[in-house]
């Protein structure tokens, strides 16, 4: 048997389906069935029991699955060890994150990382919410960045950045000089809200006491669009302060803390606990934690709500 057959076998075990495994392995179902027959002939035993369209592992299949996982892991570790014999790590890292994180948080990390690992190619998988976790668990992405909580026990969660979601208004808006804003304060004004996601869920919870009186002008899936529409005077939005730095520095918008409780959010770096980390991958973790640690120490002087970086 070869590693390709082992990969096919483990895909069938993972997906509990020959037809689904055929899709992920880019083969026809008869082709992967033939691969399994070859393994069974070599082992002289059946690996699967078939009940109509359903399948399950035999006792021998369960035993073999454990060893197949170990063999595939040893193969990956052997390749990683060979790759790391090179002075400069090479390869590709894929990072899953939403648009705002890609635009406002990752450029600085990527810039610092490329100085240390110039031969490693960085790719971005633009994803939303739970899809970031799925991309990591499915090995579509090596790392993910998203808001906590992360309800997946099989991933490592490293908190890297904490900031605040605030009301965002044009600099000359009637609310611009307020020290805090309540849900009652925003009732006379049009609202520009994110279409979905954790931040939208928290905004909806905050607005629940006045939900029947709201004037929602637009629901948008782009942070950049929301900011531009705010500057154009089309309504009030609610965005993380890190996403508004350029506009704040230019004086085109003002951000106002939400009352009675500030809306604090924490972004985490996630990766699979069972994944062997290459030198390039470990370097990405180290650079990310160092970058945001420095960023947050700088920002903390302006906003004492920012919390220190920590792992959970």
C-alpha atoms as a PDB file:
ATOM      1  CA  UNK A   1       0.000   0.000   0.000  1.00  0.00           C
ATOM      2  CA  UNK A   2       1.099   3.621  -0.498  1.00  0.00           C
ATOM      3  CA  UNK A   3       0.444   6.964   1.153  1.00  0.00           C
ATOM      4  CA  UNK A   4      -2.170   7.872  -1.439  1.00  0.00           C
ATOM      5  CA  UNK A   5      -4.218   4.825  -0.458  1.00  0.00           C
ATOM      6  CA  UNK A   6      -3.829   5.705   3.229  1.00  0.00           C
ATOM      7  CA  UNK A   7      -5.022   9.251   2.534  1.00  0.00           C
ATOM      8  CA  UNK A   8      -8.072   7.906   0.688  1.00  0.00           C
ATOM      9  CA  UNK A   9      -8.875   5.491   3.509  1.00  0.00           C
ATOM     10  CA  UNK A  10      -8.640   8.243   6.156  1.00  0.00           C
ATOM     11  CA  UNK A  11     -10.827  10.585   4.089  1.00  0.00           C
ATOM     12  CA  UNK A  12     -13.531   7.905   3.969  1.00  0.00           C
ATOM     13  CA  UNK A  13     -13.220   7.440   7.731  1.00  0.00           C
ATOM     14  CA  UNK A  14     -13.415  11.218   8.329  1.00  0.00           C
ATOM     15  CA  UNK A  15     -16.387  11.820   6.025  1.00  0.00           C
ATOM     16  CA  UNK A  16     -18.131   8.461   6.624  1.00  0.00           C
ATOM     17  CA  UNK A  17     -18.831   8.313   2.904  1.00  0.00           C
ATOM     18  CA  UNK A  18     -17.162   6.892  -0.195  1.00  0.00           C
ATOM     19  CA  UNK A  19     -18.864   9.452  -2.455  1.00  0.00           C
ATOM     20  CA  UNK A  20     -17.808  12.466  -0.360  1.00  0.00           C
ATOM     21  CA  UNK A  21     -14.265  11.119  -0.096  1.00  0.00           C
ATOM     22  CA  UNK A  22     -14.189  10.749  -3.872  1.00  0.00           C
ATOM     23  CA  UNK A  23     -14.886  14.488  -4.162  1.00  0.00           C
ATOM     24  CA  UNK A  24     -12.186  15.573  -1.693  1.00  0.00           C
ATOM     25  CA  UNK A  25      -9.659  13.187  -3.277  1.00  0.00           C
ATOM     26  CA  UNK A  26     -10.598  14.329  -6.802  1.00  0.00           C
ATOM     27  CA  UNK A  27     -11.288  10.777  -7.952  1.00  0.00           C
ATOM     28  CA  UNK A  28     -14.279   8.769  -9.045  1.00  0.00           C
ATOM     29  CA  UNK A  29     -16.059   6.594  -6.502  1.00  0.00           C
ATOM     30  CA  UNK A  30     -15.060   3.372  -8.343  1.00  0.00           C
ATOM     31  CA  UNK A  31     -11.411   4.498  -8.181  1.00  0.00           C
ATOM     32  CA  UNK A  32     -11.375   4.960  -4.418  1.00  0.00           C
ATOM     33  CA  UNK A  33     -13.356   1.736  -3.939  1.00  0.00           C
ATOM     34  CA  UNK A  34     -10.576  -0.034  -5.870  1.00  0.00           C
ATOM     35  CA  UNK A  35      -7.969   1.528  -3.588  1.00  0.00           C
ATOM     36  CA  UNK A  36      -9.778   0.234  -0.502  1.00  0.00           C
ATOM     37  CA  UNK A  37     -10.072  -3.247  -2.038  1.00  0.00           C
ATOM     38  CA  UNK A  38      -6.303  -3.253  -2.622  1.00  0.00           C
ATOM     39  CA  UNK A  39      -5.649  -2.391   1.030  1.00  0.00           C
ATOM     40  CA  UNK A  40      -8.124  -5.032   2.219  1.00  0.00           C
ATOM     41  CA  UNK A  41      -6.518  -7.645  -0.024  1.00  0.00           C
ATOM     42  CA  UNK A  42      -3.085  -6.798   1.354  1.00  0.00           C
ATOM     43  CA  UNK A  43      -4.315  -6.912   4.958  1.00  0.00           C
ATOM     44  CA  UNK A  44      -6.524  -9.949   4.250  1.00  0.00           C
ATOM     45  CA  UNK A  45      -9.488  -8.454   6.068  1.00  0.00           C
ATOM     46  CA  UNK A  46     -12.484  -6.153   5.559  1.00  0.00           C
ATOM     47  CA  UNK A  47     -12.082  -2.594   6.811  1.00  0.00           C
ATOM     48  CA  UNK A  48     -15.676  -1.390   6.349  1.00  0.00           C
ATOM     49  CA  UNK A  49     -19.126  -2.767   6.984  1.00  0.00           C
ATOM     50  CA  UNK A  50     -21.784  -1.562   4.558  1.00  0.00           C
ATOM     51  CA  UNK A  51     -25.436  -1.088   5.470  1.00  0.00           C
ATOM     52  CA  UNK A  52     -27.093   0.208   2.323  1.00  0.00           C
ATOM     53  CA  UNK A  53     -25.780   3.745   1.880  1.00  0.00           C
ATOM     54  CA  UNK A  54     -24.229   3.794   5.368  1.00  0.00           C
ATOM     55  CA  UNK A  55     -20.777   2.504   6.278  1.00  0.00           C
ATOM     56  CA  UNK A  56     -18.922   1.844   9.494  1.00  0.00           C
ATOM     57  CA  UNK A  57     -15.475   0.561  10.407  1.00  0.00           C
ATOM     58  CA  UNK A  58     -14.969  -3.049  11.324  1.00  0.00           C
ATOM     59  CA  UNK A  59     -12.875  -3.865  14.393  1.00  0.00           C
ATOM     60  CA  UNK A  60      -9.907  -4.372  12.066  1.00  0.00           C
ATOM     61  CA  UNK A  61     -10.747  -1.065  10.359  1.00  0.00           C
ATOM     62  CA  UNK A  62     -10.655   0.836  13.651  1.00  0.00           C
ATOM     63  CA  UNK A  63      -7.263  -0.645  14.518  1.00  0.00           C
ATOM     64  CA  UNK A  64      -5.899   0.122  11.067  1.00  0.00           C
ATOM     65  CA  UNK A  65      -7.242   3.704  11.182  1.00  0.00           C
ATOM     66  CA  UNK A  66      -5.104   4.446  14.249  1.00  0.00           C
ATOM     67  CA  UNK A  67      -1.975   3.157  12.561  1.00  0.00           C
ATOM     68  CA  UNK A  68      -2.843   4.924   9.296  1.00  0.00           C
ATOM     69  CA  UNK A  69      -3.054   8.244  11.165  1.00  0.00           C
ATOM     70  CA  UNK A  70       0.328   7.582  12.744  1.00  0.00           C
ATOM     71  CA  UNK A  71       1.893   6.692   9.380  1.00  0.00           C
ATOM     72  CA  UNK A  72       0.551   9.843   7.735  1.00  0.00           C
ATOM     73  CA  UNK A  73       1.722  11.950  10.672  1.00  0.00           C
ATOM     74  CA  UNK A  74       5.184  10.380  10.511  1.00  0.00           C
ATOM     75  CA  UNK A  75       5.307  11.166   6.821  1.00  0.00           C
ATOM     76  CA  UNK A  76       4.416  14.816   7.491  1.00  0.00           C
ATOM     77  CA  UNK A  77       6.971  15.043  10.292  1.00  0.00           C
ATOM     78  CA  UNK A  78       9.658  13.501   8.097  1.00  0.00           C
ATOM     79  CA  UNK A  79       8.942  16.019   5.361  1.00  0.00           C
ATOM     80  CA  UNK A  80       8.954  18.889   7.856  1.00  0.00           C
ATOM     81  CA  UNK A  81      12.284  17.716   9.257  1.00  0.00           C
ATOM     82  CA  UNK A  82      13.766  17.604   5.751  1.00  0.00           C
ATOM     83  CA  UNK A  83      12.357  21.027   4.902  1.00  0.00           C
ATOM     84  CA  UNK A  84      13.820  22.528   8.042  1.00  0.00           C
ATOM     85  CA  UNK A  85      17.312  21.369   7.078  1.00  0.00           C
ATOM     86  CA  UNK A  86      17.287  24.415   4.835  1.00  0.00           C
ATOM     87  CA  UNK A  87      18.675  27.569   6.353  1.00  0.00           C
ATOM     88  CA  UNK A  88      15.673  29.578   5.157  1.00  0.00           C
ATOM     89  CA  UNK A  89      12.231  27.993   5.698  1.00  0.00           C
ATOM     90  CA  UNK A  90      10.147  27.776   2.547  1.00  0.00           C
ATOM     91  CA  UNK A  91       6.597  26.867   1.671  1.00  0.00           C
ATOM     92  CA  UNK A  92       3.225  28.507   2.104  1.00  0.00           C
ATOM     93  CA  UNK A  93       1.083  29.615   5.025  1.00  0.00           C
ATOM     94  CA  UNK A  94      -2.629  30.283   4.587  1.00  0.00           C
ATOM     95  CA  UNK A  95      -4.364  32.609   7.052  1.00  0.00           C
ATOM     96  CA  UNK A  96      -8.165  32.793   7.288  1.00  0.00           C
ATOM     97  CA  UNK A  97      -9.726  36.057   8.470  1.00  0.00           C
ATOM     98  CA  UNK A  98     -12.539  38.474   7.708  1.00  0.00           C
ATOM     99  CA  UNK A  99     -12.192  41.597   5.585  1.00  0.00           C
ATOM    100  CA  UNK A 100     -11.548  44.013   8.454  1.00  0.00           C
ATOM    101  CA  UNK A 101      -8.791  41.889   9.989  1.00  0.00           C
ATOM    102  CA  UNK A 102      -7.202  41.417   6.558  1.00  0.00           C
ATOM    103  CA  UNK A 103      -7.219  45.168   5.892  1.00  0.00           C
ATOM    104  CA  UNK A 104      -6.433  46.700   9.266  1.00  0.00           C
ATOM    105  CA  UNK A 105      -4.541  44.098  11.296  1.00  0.00           C
ATOM    106  CA  UNK A 106      -2.663  41.710   9.008  1.00  0.00           C
ATOM    107  CA  UNK A 107      -0.582  44.092   6.840  1.00  0.00           C
ATOM    108  CA  UNK A 108       1.720  44.989   9.734  1.00  0.00           C
ATOM    109  CA  UNK A 109       2.095  41.339  10.753  1.00  0.00           C
ATOM    110  CA  UNK A 110       2.842  40.257   7.188  1.00  0.00           C
ATOM    111  CA  UNK A 111       5.413  43.018   6.752  1.00  0.00           C
ATOM    112  CA  UNK A 112       7.329  41.973   9.879  1.00  0.00           C
ATOM    113  CA  UNK A 113       7.040  38.273   9.039  1.00  0.00           C
ATOM    114  CA  UNK A 114       8.382  38.670   5.487  1.00  0.00           C
ATOM    115  CA  UNK A 115      11.507  40.387   6.831  1.00  0.00           C
ATOM    116  CA  UNK A 116      12.296  37.245   8.837  1.00  0.00           C
ATOM    117  CA  UNK A 117      10.949  34.614   6.425  1.00  0.00           C
ATOM    118  CA  UNK A 118      11.252  36.068   2.912  1.00  0.00           C
ATOM    119  CA  UNK A 119      10.950  32.669   1.183  1.00  0.00           C
ATOM    120  CA  UNK A 120       7.616  31.760   2.794  1.00  0.00           C
ATOM    121  CA  UNK A 121       4.566  32.643   0.715  1.00  0.00           C
ATOM    122  CA  UNK A 122       1.629  34.090   2.665  1.00  0.00           C
ATOM    123  CA  UNK A 123      -1.917  33.591   1.404  1.00  0.00           C
ATOM    124  CA  UNK A 124      -5.172  35.043   2.756  1.00  0.00           C
ATOM    125  CA  UNK A 125      -8.410  33.052   2.844  1.00  0.00           C
ATOM    126  CA  UNK A 126     -11.165  35.649   3.338  1.00  0.00           C
ATOM    127  CA  UNK A 127     -13.702  34.022   5.638  1.00  0.00           C
ATOM    128  CA  UNK A 128     -16.358  35.004   8.151  1.00  0.00           C
ATOM    129  CA  UNK A 129     -17.096  33.929  11.727  1.00  0.00           C
ATOM    130  CA  UNK A 130     -17.422  30.185  12.164  1.00  0.00           C
ATOM    131  CA  UNK A 131     -16.040  29.609   8.657  1.00  0.00           C
ATOM    132  CA  UNK A 132     -12.605  30.710   9.943  1.00  0.00           C
ATOM    133  CA  UNK A 133     -12.646  27.837  12.444  1.00  0.00           C
ATOM    134  CA  UNK A 134     -13.885  25.412   9.783  1.00  0.00           C
ATOM    135  CA  UNK A 135     -11.076  26.451   7.430  1.00  0.00           C
ATOM    136  CA  UNK A 136      -8.498  25.688  10.127  1.00  0.00           C
ATOM    137  CA  UNK A 137     -10.091  22.366  11.113  1.00  0.00           C
ATOM    138  CA  UNK A 138     -10.353  21.273   7.474  1.00  0.00           C
ATOM    139  CA  UNK A 139      -6.690  22.218   6.858  1.00  0.00           C
ATOM    140  CA  UNK A 140      -7.776  24.744   4.251  1.00  0.00           C
ATOM    141  CA  UNK A 141      -5.934  27.339   6.371  1.00  0.00           C
ATOM    142  CA  UNK A 142      -2.942  26.996   8.694  1.00  0.00           C
ATOM    143  CA  UNK A 143      -4.095  29.817  10.973  1.00  0.00           C
ATOM    144  CA  UNK A 144      -7.246  31.783  11.613  1.00  0.00           C
ATOM    145  CA  UNK A 145      -7.916  35.173  13.192  1.00  0.00           C
ATOM    146  CA  UNK A 146     -11.385  35.854  14.596  1.00  0.00           C
ATOM    147  CA  UNK A 147     -13.244  37.145  17.630  1.00  0.00           C
ATOM    148  CA  UNK A 148     -13.590  34.991  20.726  1.00  0.00           C
ATOM    149  CA  UNK A 149     -15.286  32.939  22.008  1.00  0.00           C
ATOM    150  CA  UNK A 150     -14.133  30.055  19.815  1.00  0.00           C
ATOM    151  CA  UNK A 151     -16.289  27.009  20.520  1.00  0.00           C
ATOM    152  CA  UNK A 152     -13.928  24.362  19.196  1.00  0.00           C
ATOM    153  CA  UNK A 153     -11.833  22.381  21.675  1.00  0.00           C
ATOM    154  CA  UNK A 154      -9.467  21.039  19.015  1.00  0.00           C
ATOM    155  CA  UNK A 155      -7.870  24.408  18.298  1.00  0.00           C
ATOM    156  CA  UNK A 156      -5.299  26.403  20.227  1.00  0.00           C
ATOM    157  CA  UNK A 157      -6.616  29.900  20.995  1.00  0.00           C
ATOM    158  CA  UNK A 158      -4.135  32.747  21.530  1.00  0.00           C
ATOM    159  CA  UNK A 159      -5.671  36.111  22.373  1.00  0.00           C
ATOM    160  CA  UNK A 160      -3.700  38.716  20.454  1.00  0.00           C
ATOM    161  CA  UNK A 161      -5.656  41.959  20.402  1.00  0.00           C
ATOM    162  CA  UNK A 162      -8.397  43.602  22.442  1.00  0.00           C
ATOM    163  CA  UNK A 163     -10.184  46.739  21.317  1.00  0.00           C
ATOM    164  CA  UNK A 164     -13.574  48.416  21.550  1.00  0.00           C
ATOM    165  CA  UNK A 165     -16.600  48.661  19.286  1.00  0.00           C
ATOM    166  CA  UNK A 166     -17.909  52.242  19.356  1.00  0.00           C
ATOM    167  CA  UNK A 167     -20.498  54.383  17.641  1.00  0.00           C
ATOM    168  CA  UNK A 168     -18.910  56.087  14.619  1.00  0.00           C
ATOM    169  CA  UNK A 169     -20.274  59.458  13.475  1.00  0.00           C
ATOM    170  CA  UNK A 170     -19.109  62.288  11.166  1.00  0.00           C
ATOM    171  CA  UNK A 171     -16.922  64.828  12.936  1.00  0.00           C
ATOM    172  CA  UNK A 172     -19.689  67.469  12.805  1.00  0.00           C
ATOM    173  CA  UNK A 173     -22.503  65.147  13.925  1.00  0.00           C
ATOM    174  CA  UNK A 174     -24.839  66.237  16.807  1.00  0.00           C
ATOM    175  CA  UNK A 175     -23.580  63.276  18.879  1.00  0.00           C
ATOM    176  CA  UNK A 176     -19.896  63.880  18.172  1.00  0.00           C
ATOM    177  CA  UNK A 177     -19.140  65.671  21.445  1.00  0.00           C
ATOM    178  CA  UNK A 178     -20.910  63.199  23.727  1.00  0.00           C
ATOM    179  CA  UNK A 179     -18.714  61.229  26.114  1.00  0.00           C
ATOM    180  CA  UNK A 180     -20.907  58.107  25.751  1.00  0.00           C
ATOM    181  CA  UNK A 181     -23.916  57.129  23.668  1.00  0.00           C
ATOM    182  CA  UNK A 182     -26.946  55.089  24.745  1.00  0.00           C
ATOM    183  CA  UNK A 183     -29.359  53.206  22.517  1.00  0.00           C
ATOM    184  CA  UNK A 184     -31.938  55.962  23.164  1.00  0.00           C
ATOM    185  CA  UNK A 185     -29.494  58.597  21.887  1.00  0.00           C
ATOM    186  CA  UNK A 186     -29.311  57.042  18.416  1.00  0.00           C
ATOM    187  CA  UNK A 187     -33.073  56.776  17.818  1.00  0.00           C
ATOM    188  CA  UNK A 188     -33.385  60.032  15.797  1.00  0.00           C
ATOM    189  CA  UNK A 189     -30.653  58.966  13.354  1.00  0.00           C
ATOM    190  CA  UNK A 190     -30.280  56.572  10.428  1.00  0.00           C
ATOM    191  CA  UNK A 191     -28.145  53.486  11.150  1.00  0.00           C
ATOM    192  CA  UNK A 192     -25.585  51.670   8.995  1.00  0.00           C
ATOM    193  CA  UNK A 193     -25.202  48.162  10.403  1.00  0.00           C
ATOM    194  CA  UNK A 194     -23.037  45.151   9.521  1.00  0.00           C
ATOM    195  CA  UNK A 195     -25.039  42.415   7.801  1.00  0.00           C
ATOM    196  CA  UNK A 196     -23.919  39.597  10.096  1.00  0.00           C
ATOM    197  CA  UNK A 197     -21.203  38.336  12.417  1.00  0.00           C
ATOM    198  CA  UNK A 198     -20.316  38.545  16.119  1.00  0.00           C
ATOM    199  CA  UNK A 199     -20.268  42.338  16.168  1.00  0.00           C
ATOM    200  CA  UNK A 200     -23.755  42.517  14.608  1.00  0.00           C
ATOM    201  CA  UNK A 201     -25.068  40.045  17.192  1.00  0.00           C
ATOM    202  CA  UNK A 202     -23.699  42.178  20.030  1.00  0.00           C
ATOM    203  CA  UNK A 203     -25.070  45.392  18.501  1.00  0.00           C
ATOM    204  CA  UNK A 204     -28.515  43.775  18.154  1.00  0.00           C
ATOM    205  CA  UNK A 205     -28.377  42.767  21.815  1.00  0.00           C
ATOM    206  CA  UNK A 206     -27.504  46.336  22.831  1.00  0.00           C
ATOM    207  CA  UNK A 207     -30.298  47.754  20.645  1.00  0.00           C
ATOM    208  CA  UNK A 208     -32.932  45.256  21.764  1.00  0.00           C
ATOM    209  CA  UNK A 209     -34.739  47.658  24.172  1.00  0.00           C
ATOM    210  CA  UNK A 210     -35.449  50.036  21.261  1.00  0.00           C
ATOM    211  CA  UNK A 211     -35.504  47.640  18.318  1.00  0.00           C
ATOM    212  CA  UNK A 212     -39.012  48.629  17.206  1.00  0.00           C
ATOM    213  CA  UNK A 213     -38.031  52.305  16.987  1.00  0.00           C
ATOM    214  CA  UNK A 214     -34.800  51.955  14.987  1.00  0.00           C
ATOM    215  CA  UNK A 215     -34.163  53.634  11.622  1.00  0.00           C
ATOM    216  CA  UNK A 216     -31.931  51.155   9.819  1.00  0.00           C
ATOM    217  CA  UNK A 217     -30.796  52.733   6.562  1.00  0.00           C
ATOM    218  CA  UNK A 218     -28.494  49.986   5.274  1.00  0.00           C
ATOM    219  CA  UNK A 219     -26.988  46.626   6.222  1.00  0.00           C
ATOM    220  CA  UNK A 220     -23.524  46.288   4.697  1.00  0.00           C
ATOM    221  CA  UNK A 221     -20.937  43.518   4.495  1.00  0.00           C
ATOM    222  CA  UNK A 222     -17.922  45.831   4.196  1.00  0.00           C
ATOM    223  CA  UNK A 223     -16.253  47.846   6.946  1.00  0.00           C
ATOM    224  CA  UNK A 224     -14.763  50.185   4.362  1.00  0.00           C
ATOM    225  CA  UNK A 225     -18.195  50.892   2.887  1.00  0.00           C
ATOM    226  CA  UNK A 226     -19.650  51.633   6.324  1.00  0.00           C
ATOM    227  CA  UNK A 227     -16.884  54.136   7.075  1.00  0.00           C
ATOM    228  CA  UNK A 228     -17.246  55.904   3.735  1.00  0.00           C
ATOM    229  CA  UNK A 229     -21.026  56.138   4.136  1.00  0.00           C
ATOM    230  CA  UNK A 230     -20.616  57.557   7.645  1.00  0.00           C
ATOM    231  CA  UNK A 231     -18.229  60.226   6.336  1.00  0.00           C
ATOM    232  CA  UNK A 232     -20.790  61.004   3.601  1.00  0.00           C
ATOM    233  CA  UNK A 233     -23.407  61.654   6.295  1.00  0.00           C
ATOM    234  CA  UNK A 234     -25.614  58.686   5.448  1.00  0.00           C
ATOM    235  CA  UNK A 235     -25.911  57.431   9.015  1.00  0.00           C
ATOM    236  CA  UNK A 236     -24.291  56.219  12.232  1.00  0.00           C
ATOM    237  CA  UNK A 237     -22.345  52.977  12.318  1.00  0.00           C
ATOM    238  CA  UNK A 238     -20.675  50.804  14.965  1.00  0.00           C
ATOM    239  CA  UNK A 239     -17.090  49.718  14.341  1.00  0.00           C
ATOM    240  CA  UNK A 240     -13.987  48.606  16.183  1.00  0.00           C
ATOM    241  CA  UNK A 241     -11.648  51.512  16.905  1.00  0.00           C
ATOM    242  CA  UNK A 242      -8.724  49.718  15.215  1.00  0.00           C
ATOM    243  CA  UNK A 243     -10.664  49.880  11.936  1.00  0.00           C
ATOM    244  CA  UNK A 244     -11.055  53.659  12.115  1.00  0.00           C
ATOM    245  CA  UNK A 245      -7.512  54.854  12.808  1.00  0.00           C
ATOM    246  CA  UNK A 246      -6.981  56.604   9.476  1.00  0.00           C
ATOM    247  CA  UNK A 247     -10.303  58.447   9.651  1.00  0.00           C
ATOM    248  CA  UNK A 248      -9.698  59.447  13.283  1.00  0.00           C
ATOM    249  CA  UNK A 249      -6.255  60.801  12.415  1.00  0.00           C
ATOM    250  CA  UNK A 250      -7.723  62.683   9.450  1.00  0.00           C
ATOM    251  CA  UNK A 251     -10.476  64.125  11.663  1.00  0.00           C
ATOM    252  CA  UNK A 252     -13.316  62.952   9.415  1.00  0.00           C
ATOM    253  CA  UNK A 253     -15.076  60.848  12.077  1.00  0.00           C
ATOM    254  CA  UNK A 254     -15.391  60.603  15.806  1.00  0.00           C
ATOM    255  CA  UNK A 255     -15.944  57.446  17.852  1.00  0.00           C
ATOM    256  CA  UNK A 256     -18.111  57.393  20.972  1.00  0.00           C
ATOM    257  CA  UNK A 257     -18.091  54.652  23.642  1.00  0.00           C
ATOM    258  CA  UNK A 258     -21.327  52.720  24.054  1.00  0.00           C
ATOM    259  CA  UNK A 259     -23.162  52.931  27.407  1.00  0.00           C
ATOM    260  CA  UNK A 260     -23.926  51.597  29.909  1.00  0.00           C
ATOM    261  CA  UNK A 261     -21.266  48.904  29.294  1.00  0.00           C
ATOM    262  CA  UNK A 262     -18.395  49.359  26.799  1.00  0.00           C
ATOM    263  CA  UNK A 263     -18.494  46.845  23.927  1.00  0.00           C
ATOM    264  CA  UNK A 264     -15.061  45.210  24.200  1.00  0.00           C
ATOM    265  CA  UNK A 265     -14.017  42.573  21.675  1.00  0.00           C
ATOM    266  CA  UNK A 266     -10.977  40.290  21.585  1.00  0.00           C
ATOM    267  CA  UNK A 267      -9.381  38.853  18.464  1.00  0.00           C
ATOM    268  CA  UNK A 268      -7.550  35.531  18.709  1.00  0.00           C
ATOM    269  CA  UNK A 269      -5.077  33.597  16.591  1.00  0.00           C
ATOM    270  CA  UNK A 270      -6.195  29.967  16.244  1.00  0.00           C
ATOM    271  CA  UNK A 271      -4.573  26.807  14.905  1.00  0.00           C
ATOM    272  CA  UNK A 272      -5.067  23.070  15.259  1.00  0.00           C
ATOM    273  CA  UNK A 273      -3.703  21.550  18.469  1.00  0.00           C
ATOM    274  CA  UNK A 274      -2.762  18.319  16.712  1.00  0.00           C
ATOM    275  CA  UNK A 275      -0.873  20.007  13.896  1.00  0.00           C
ATOM    276  CA  UNK A 276       2.909  19.732  13.829  1.00  0.00           C
ATOM    277  CA  UNK A 277       4.245  23.281  13.546  1.00  0.00           C
ATOM    278  CA  UNK A 278       7.000  23.953  11.033  1.00  0.00           C
ATOM    279  CA  UNK A 279       9.635  26.588  11.707  1.00  0.00           C
ATOM    280  CA  UNK A 280       7.728  28.909   9.384  1.00  0.00           C
ATOM    281  CA  UNK A 281       4.442  28.310  11.257  1.00  0.00           C
ATOM    282  CA  UNK A 282       6.010  28.787  14.686  1.00  0.00           C
ATOM    283  CA  UNK A 283       7.583  31.968  13.362  1.00  0.00           C
ATOM    284  CA  UNK A 284       4.177  33.283  12.331  1.00  0.00           C
ATOM    285  CA  UNK A 285       2.827  32.701  15.843  1.00  0.00           C
ATOM    286  CA  UNK A 286       5.809  34.458  17.417  1.00  0.00           C
ATOM    287  CA  UNK A 287       5.649  37.443  15.043  1.00  0.00           C
ATOM    288  CA  UNK A 288       1.871  37.828  15.491  1.00  0.00           C
ATOM    289  CA  UNK A 289       2.042  37.798  19.286  1.00  0.00           C
ATOM    290  CA  UNK A 290       5.022  40.174  19.321  1.00  0.00           C
ATOM    291  CA  UNK A 291       3.415  42.576  16.836  1.00  0.00           C
ATOM    292  CA  UNK A 292       0.134  42.935  18.669  1.00  0.00           C
ATOM    293  CA  UNK A 293       1.851  43.020  22.044  1.00  0.00           C
ATOM    294  CA  UNK A 294       3.779  46.077  20.883  1.00  0.00           C
ATOM    295  CA  UNK A 295       0.696  47.595  19.224  1.00  0.00           C
ATOM    296  CA  UNK A 296      -1.389  47.202  22.351  1.00  0.00           C
ATOM    297  CA  UNK A 297       1.278  48.638  24.653  1.00  0.00           C
ATOM    298  CA  UNK A 298       1.339  51.735  22.431  1.00  0.00           C
ATOM    299  CA  UNK A 299      -2.442  51.995  22.254  1.00  0.00           C
ATOM    300  CA  UNK A 300      -2.891  51.433  25.981  1.00  0.00           C
ATOM    301  CA  UNK A 301      -1.598  54.928  26.736  1.00  0.00           C
ATOM    302  CA  UNK A 302      -4.576  56.355  24.822  1.00  0.00           C
ATOM    303  CA  UNK A 303      -7.209  53.869  25.958  1.00  0.00           C
ATOM    304  CA  UNK A 304      -6.882  52.076  29.285  1.00  0.00           C
ATOM    305  CA  UNK A 305      -9.577  49.573  28.293  1.00  0.00           C
ATOM    306  CA  UNK A 306      -7.095  47.598  26.204  1.00  0.00           C
ATOM    307  CA  UNK A 307      -6.074  44.373  27.867  1.00  0.00           C
ATOM    308  CA  UNK A 308      -2.683  42.598  27.802  1.00  0.00           C
ATOM    309  CA  UNK A 309      -2.057  39.775  25.351  1.00  0.00           C
ATOM    310  CA  UNK A 310      -2.581  36.333  26.849  1.00  0.00           C
ATOM    311  CA  UNK A 311      -3.100  32.736  25.805  1.00  0.00           C
ATOM    312  CA  UNK A 312      -6.190  30.751  26.768  1.00  0.00           C
END
